[in-house]
């Protein structure tokens, strides 16, 4: 019997702050050693941007605003009798309030990391690629290049 093929979408963000002249990024962690960018599935009627804002707020405890789109990543995974093609859309985000201490229970901890340490810390290489895009966007902002 052939597996059914379906599609899924998630949205999230790369949340940054500038601290002591350096860029830090917020990552969500589990006791298992997993470190990931905040992301999740749209609720009915939500736009990609609305989903990203809500999911980042829930998973990090931070109120954020979108500064720029960072494109998407895609991958496949399997469920019983099903192959799923997933796209995850990311946005560059800046915090405007809240606290990482107020994250939801989906993750055990949310911490700020120096941007240079994030690619090696993240569990998924495709998310490290998104972080690279975010750092490029921040460098372009700083230099005034579009």
Foldseek 3Di string as FASTA:
>chain_A
DAFAEEEFEKEAEWEWDADPNFIKTKWFAAPVLATHGFMDGDDPPDDNLRRHQVRNCQAQQFRKDFDAWLAWDWDWDDDVRYIYIYIYTYTYIYTDDTGSVNHHPPGPGMDIDGLVCPCVSHPDNVRSVSSVSNVVVVVCVVVVHD
